[in-house]
Amino acid sequence: MGRVFKTVFLIACLASGAGQAKTVQTETIPILPQEAPGTAAEPDGEAAQPETGQVAQDQDAPQVYYSTEMLPKPVARMHAQLKEAALMGDMSRLRMVLESNELPPTLSFGKIGDPIEFLKESSGDGEGFEILAILADVLDAGFVHVDAGTPQEMYIWPYFAHYPLDSLTPDQKVELYRIVTAGDYAEMKDFGAWSFYRVGIGPDGTLHYFVAGD
């Protein structure tokens, strides 16, 4: 029994023994909940907004897509054929895909001879496997749909080729570094545009280019 309760109990007993009943008045003191550190209300009644650590996406940037299910069937077919050849490490299969076009796709801004031999020579290993790995990574990235309804309509991988490089969010930078190095990115920011490999496929499924450079 607490000390305060014992004292009150003793006084009540003495008063009762004296034949003089007394009313003990009590007062309820409201106890306010203690505020946790850092949870004070914002001025003007505004609640604190959580920080996400994300940079707001540039509203002028094009829409980025990841699901190939939204692609027209001819585009999806060409995308799948290119990716299959790349993942199989099969340059002869890639040749078949390239030759399925009505016109040879652009692989360089200069003149080239045999397209497969050119890709092998452009590959760091001399056999084309590095180029195939780049092609697979590019096709795995998000893409954009540009110039819809015009003769220049195109589906382009990766979307960085048509995206403001200064507006990338942290997760987009991680995606970008799966394709290029930090040094490549710094050079492209200075240049003002994506200059690494990209793929362009028309709405009819024609592969227009797999090319790097400006």
Protein backbone atom coordinates (compact mmCIF):
# COMPACT_ATOMS: atom_id res chain seq x y z
CA MET A 1 0.00 0.00 0.00
CA GLY A 2 1.45 3.35 -0.97
CA ARG A 3 2.52 5.91 1.61
CA VAL A 4 -0.02 8.54 0.40
CA PHE A 5 -2.89 6.02 0.48
CA LYS A 6 -1.97 4.96 4.07
CA THR A 7 -2.03 8.56 5.27
CA VAL A 8 -5.46 9.27 3.71
CA PHE A 9 -6.84 6.01 5.13
CA LEU A 10 -5.61 6.90 8.66
CA ILE A 11 -7.18 10.38 8.54
CA ALA A 12 -10.50 8.92 7.37
CA CYS A 13 -10.50 6.42 10.20
CA LEU A 14 -9.80 9.06 12.86
CA ALA A 15 -12.57 11.28 11.50
CA SER A 16 -15.01 8.41 11.56
CA GLY A 17 -14.10 7.57 15.14
CA ALA A 18 -14.81 11.13 16.18
CA GLY A 19 -18.32 10.87 14.75
CA GLN A 20 -17.64 13.62 12.26
CA ALA A 21 -17.86 12.30 8.72
CA LYS A 22 -15.89 14.35 6.26
CA THR A 23 -16.13 14.39 2.53
CA VAL A 24 -12.78 14.04 0.84
CA GLN A 25 -12.78 15.97 -2.41
CA THR A 26 -10.79 14.58 -5.27
CA GLU A 27 -9.59 16.17 -8.47
CA THR A 28 -8.89 14.38 -11.73
CA ILE A 29 -5.75 15.62 -13.42
CA PRO A 30 -5.64 14.74 -17.12
CA ILE A 31 -2.34 13.28 -18.21
CA LEU A 32 -1.40 14.20 -21.77
CA PRO A 33 0.38 11.55 -23.85
CA GLN A 34 4.06 12.26 -24.16
CA GLU A 35 5.08 13.28 -27.65
CA ALA A 36 7.75 11.16 -29.27
CA PRO A 37 10.88 13.01 -30.31
CA GLY A 38 10.67 14.47 -33.77
CA THR A 39 6.86 14.23 -34.06
CA ALA A 40 5.94 17.78 -33.24
CA ALA A 41 3.17 19.21 -35.37
CA GLU A 42 4.19 21.28 -38.35
CA PRO A 43 3.37 25.02 -38.35
CA ASP A 44 -0.11 25.94 -39.60
CA GLY A 45 -1.36 22.43 -38.89
CA GLU A 46 0.51 20.82 -41.83
CA ALA A 47 1.64 17.24 -41.29
CA ALA A 48 5.26 16.38 -41.87
CA GLN A 49 5.86 14.71 -45.23
CA PRO A 50 8.05 11.59 -45.31
CA GLU A 51 11.23 11.79 -47.31
CA THR A 52 11.49 9.16 -50.03
CA GLY A 53 15.04 9.78 -51.15
CA GLN A 54 13.77 9.88 -54.74
CA VAL A 55 14.26 12.67 -57.22
CA ALA A 56 11.01 13.75 -58.87
CA GLN A 57 10.81 12.57 -62.48
CA ASP A 58 11.07 15.26 -65.12
CA GLN A 59 7.51 15.93 -66.26
CA ASP A 60 8.78 16.68 -69.77
CA ALA A 61 10.44 13.26 -70.04
CA PRO A 62 8.79 10.62 -72.27
CA GLN A 63 6.80 7.75 -70.82
CA VAL A 64 8.99 4.74 -70.04
CA TYR A 65 7.64 1.22 -70.56
CA TYR A 66 8.92 -2.15 -69.35
CA SER A 67 6.27 -4.69 -70.30
CA THR A 68 6.65 -6.01 -73.84
CA GLU A 69 3.00 -7.04 -73.73
CA MET A 70 2.01 -3.55 -74.86
CA LEU A 71 4.14 -3.84 -78.03
CA PRO A 72 2.55 -4.47 -81.43
CA LYS A 73 3.03 -8.13 -82.35
CA PRO A 74 5.62 -7.47 -85.11
CA VAL A 75 7.70 -5.37 -82.71
CA ALA A 76 7.44 -7.95 -79.94
CA ARG A 77 8.50 -10.67 -82.38
CA MET A 78 11.60 -8.79 -83.53
CA HIS A 79 12.48 -7.94 -79.92
CA ALA A 80 12.18 -11.62 -78.93
CA GLN A 81 14.26 -12.83 -81.90
CA LEU A 82 17.07 -10.38 -81.18
CA LYS A 83 17.11 -11.23 -77.50
CA GLU A 84 17.06 -14.97 -78.16
CA ALA A 85 20.04 -14.74 -80.53
CA ALA A 86 21.93 -12.58 -78.03
CA LEU A 87 21.33 -14.86 -75.05
CA MET A 88 22.24 -17.94 -77.07
CA GLY A 89 25.53 -16.35 -78.07
CA ASP A 90 24.75 -17.29 -81.65
CA MET A 91 26.07 -14.85 -84.27
CA SER A 92 24.72 -16.96 -87.14
CA ARG A 93 21.24 -16.73 -85.63
CA LEU A 94 21.67 -12.98 -85.30
CA ARG A 95 22.60 -12.89 -89.01
CA MET A 96 19.28 -14.54 -89.85
CA VAL A 97 17.42 -11.91 -87.84
CA LEU A 98 19.29 -9.05 -89.50
CA GLU A 99 18.71 -10.46 -92.97
CA SER A 100 14.97 -10.79 -92.30
CA ASN A 101 14.67 -7.03 -92.80
CA GLU A 102 13.73 -5.61 -96.18
CA LEU A 103 16.71 -3.29 -95.80
CA PRO A 104 19.88 -3.92 -93.77
CA PRO A 105 19.63 -2.19 -90.36
CA THR A 106 22.09 0.54 -89.49
CA LEU A 107 24.98 -0.88 -87.47
CA SER A 108 27.37 2.02 -87.97
CA PHE A 109 27.33 5.62 -89.16
CA GLY A 110 30.14 4.70 -91.54
CA LYS A 111 30.42 2.14 -94.32
CA ILE A 112 30.74 -1.50 -93.32
CA GLY A 113 31.09 -4.79 -95.14
CA ASP A 114 29.59 -7.96 -93.77
CA PRO A 115 27.40 -6.99 -90.77
CA ILE A 116 28.34 -9.97 -88.60
CA GLU A 117 32.04 -9.53 -89.26
CA PHE A 118 31.68 -5.86 -88.40
CA LEU A 119 30.01 -6.69 -85.07
CA LYS A 120 32.74 -9.20 -84.27
CA GLU A 121 35.42 -6.62 -84.99
CA SER A 122 33.57 -4.08 -82.80
CA SER A 123 33.42 -6.57 -79.93
CA GLY A 124 36.18 -6.42 -77.34
CA ASP A 125 36.66 -10.20 -77.45
CA GLY A 126 36.87 -10.32 -81.25
CA GLU A 127 34.17 -13.00 -81.48
CA GLY A 128 31.07 -10.94 -80.92
CA PHE A 129 30.11 -12.18 -77.47
CA GLU A 130 30.60 -8.77 -75.85
CA ILE A 131 28.33 -7.19 -78.47
CA LEU A 132 25.70 -9.87 -77.89
CA ALA A 133 25.85 -9.22 -74.13
CA ILE A 134 25.37 -5.49 -74.76
CA LEU A 135 22.43 -6.24 -77.06
CA ALA A 136 20.80 -8.42 -74.39
CA ASP A 137 21.28 -5.76 -71.69
CA VAL A 138 19.89 -3.02 -73.95
CA LEU A 139 16.80 -5.09 -74.77
CA ASP A 140 16.24 -5.82 -71.07
CA ALA A 141 16.03 -2.10 -70.25
CA GLY A 142 12.92 0.06 -70.34
CA PHE A 143 11.91 1.51 -73.70
CA VAL A 144 10.07 4.48 -75.19
CA HIS A 145 7.57 4.88 -78.00
CA VAL A 146 8.37 7.99 -80.04
CA ASP A 147 6.76 9.89 -82.94
CA ALA A 148 3.56 7.85 -82.82
CA GLY A 149 1.45 8.14 -85.96
CA THR A 150 4.29 9.53 -88.09
CA PRO A 151 6.67 7.91 -90.60
CA GLN A 152 9.38 8.19 -87.89
CA GLU A 153 7.40 6.17 -85.32
CA MET A 154 9.76 3.94 -83.37
CA TYR A 155 10.17 1.77 -80.27
CA ILE A 156 13.59 2.45 -78.79
CA TRP A 157 15.73 0.58 -76.26
CA PRO A 158 17.09 1.70 -73.84
CA TYR A 159 14.89 4.66 -73.01
CA PHE A 160 17.99 6.62 -71.99
CA ALA A 161 18.48 7.36 -75.70
CA HIS A 162 15.45 9.70 -75.49
CA TYR A 163 15.54 10.70 -71.84
CA PRO A 164 17.10 13.75 -70.07
CA LEU A 165 20.19 12.26 -68.43
CA ASP A 166 20.26 15.03 -65.81
CA SER A 167 16.83 13.98 -64.52
CA LEU A 168 17.54 10.35 -63.64
CA THR A 169 16.31 9.09 -60.26
CA PRO A 170 18.54 6.85 -58.11
CA ASP A 171 16.85 3.66 -59.33
CA GLN A 172 17.19 4.81 -62.94
CA LYS A 173 20.90 5.37 -62.43
CA VAL A 174 21.27 1.81 -61.17
CA GLU A 175 19.49 0.64 -64.32
CA LEU A 176 21.77 2.78 -66.46
CA TYR A 177 24.92 1.40 -64.78
CA ARG A 178 23.87 -2.10 -65.80
CA ILE A 179 24.59 -0.99 -69.39
CA VAL A 180 27.40 1.58 -69.16
CA THR A 181 30.15 2.59 -66.74
CA ALA A 182 30.21 5.70 -64.57
CA GLY A 183 32.85 7.12 -66.90
CA ASP A 184 30.60 6.56 -69.93
CA TYR A 185 27.72 8.26 -68.13
CA ALA A 186 29.86 11.29 -67.19
CA GLU A 187 30.98 11.68 -70.80
CA MET A 188 27.43 11.44 -72.12
CA LYS A 189 26.21 14.02 -69.60
CA ASP A 190 28.93 16.39 -70.81
CA PHE A 191 27.98 15.61 -74.41
CA GLY A 192 24.30 16.13 -73.62
CA ALA A 193 22.87 12.91 -75.04
CA TRP A 194 23.06 9.12 -74.92
CA SER A 195 25.75 7.90 -77.32
CA PHE A 196 26.03 4.22 -76.38
CA TYR A 197 24.27 1.35 -78.16
CA ARG A 198 20.53 1.57 -78.79
CA VAL A 199 17.97 -0.43 -80.74
CA GLY A 200 15.18 1.03 -82.86
CA ILE A 201 12.28 -1.07 -84.13
CA GLY A 202 9.47 0.29 -86.30
CA PRO A 203 5.80 -0.53 -85.63
CA ASP A 204 5.87 -3.04 -88.50
CA GLY A 205 8.66 -5.00 -86.80
CA THR A 206 11.50 -3.67 -88.95
CA LEU A 207 14.80 -3.38 -87.14
CA HIS A 208 16.05 0.06 -88.14
CA TYR A 209 19.25 0.16 -86.14
CA PHE A 210 21.50 -1.33 -83.51
CA VAL A 211 24.13 1.33 -83.31
CA ALA A 212 26.40 3.34 -81.02
CA GLY A 213 27.75 6.84 -81.46
CA ASP A 214 26.24 10.20 -82.22
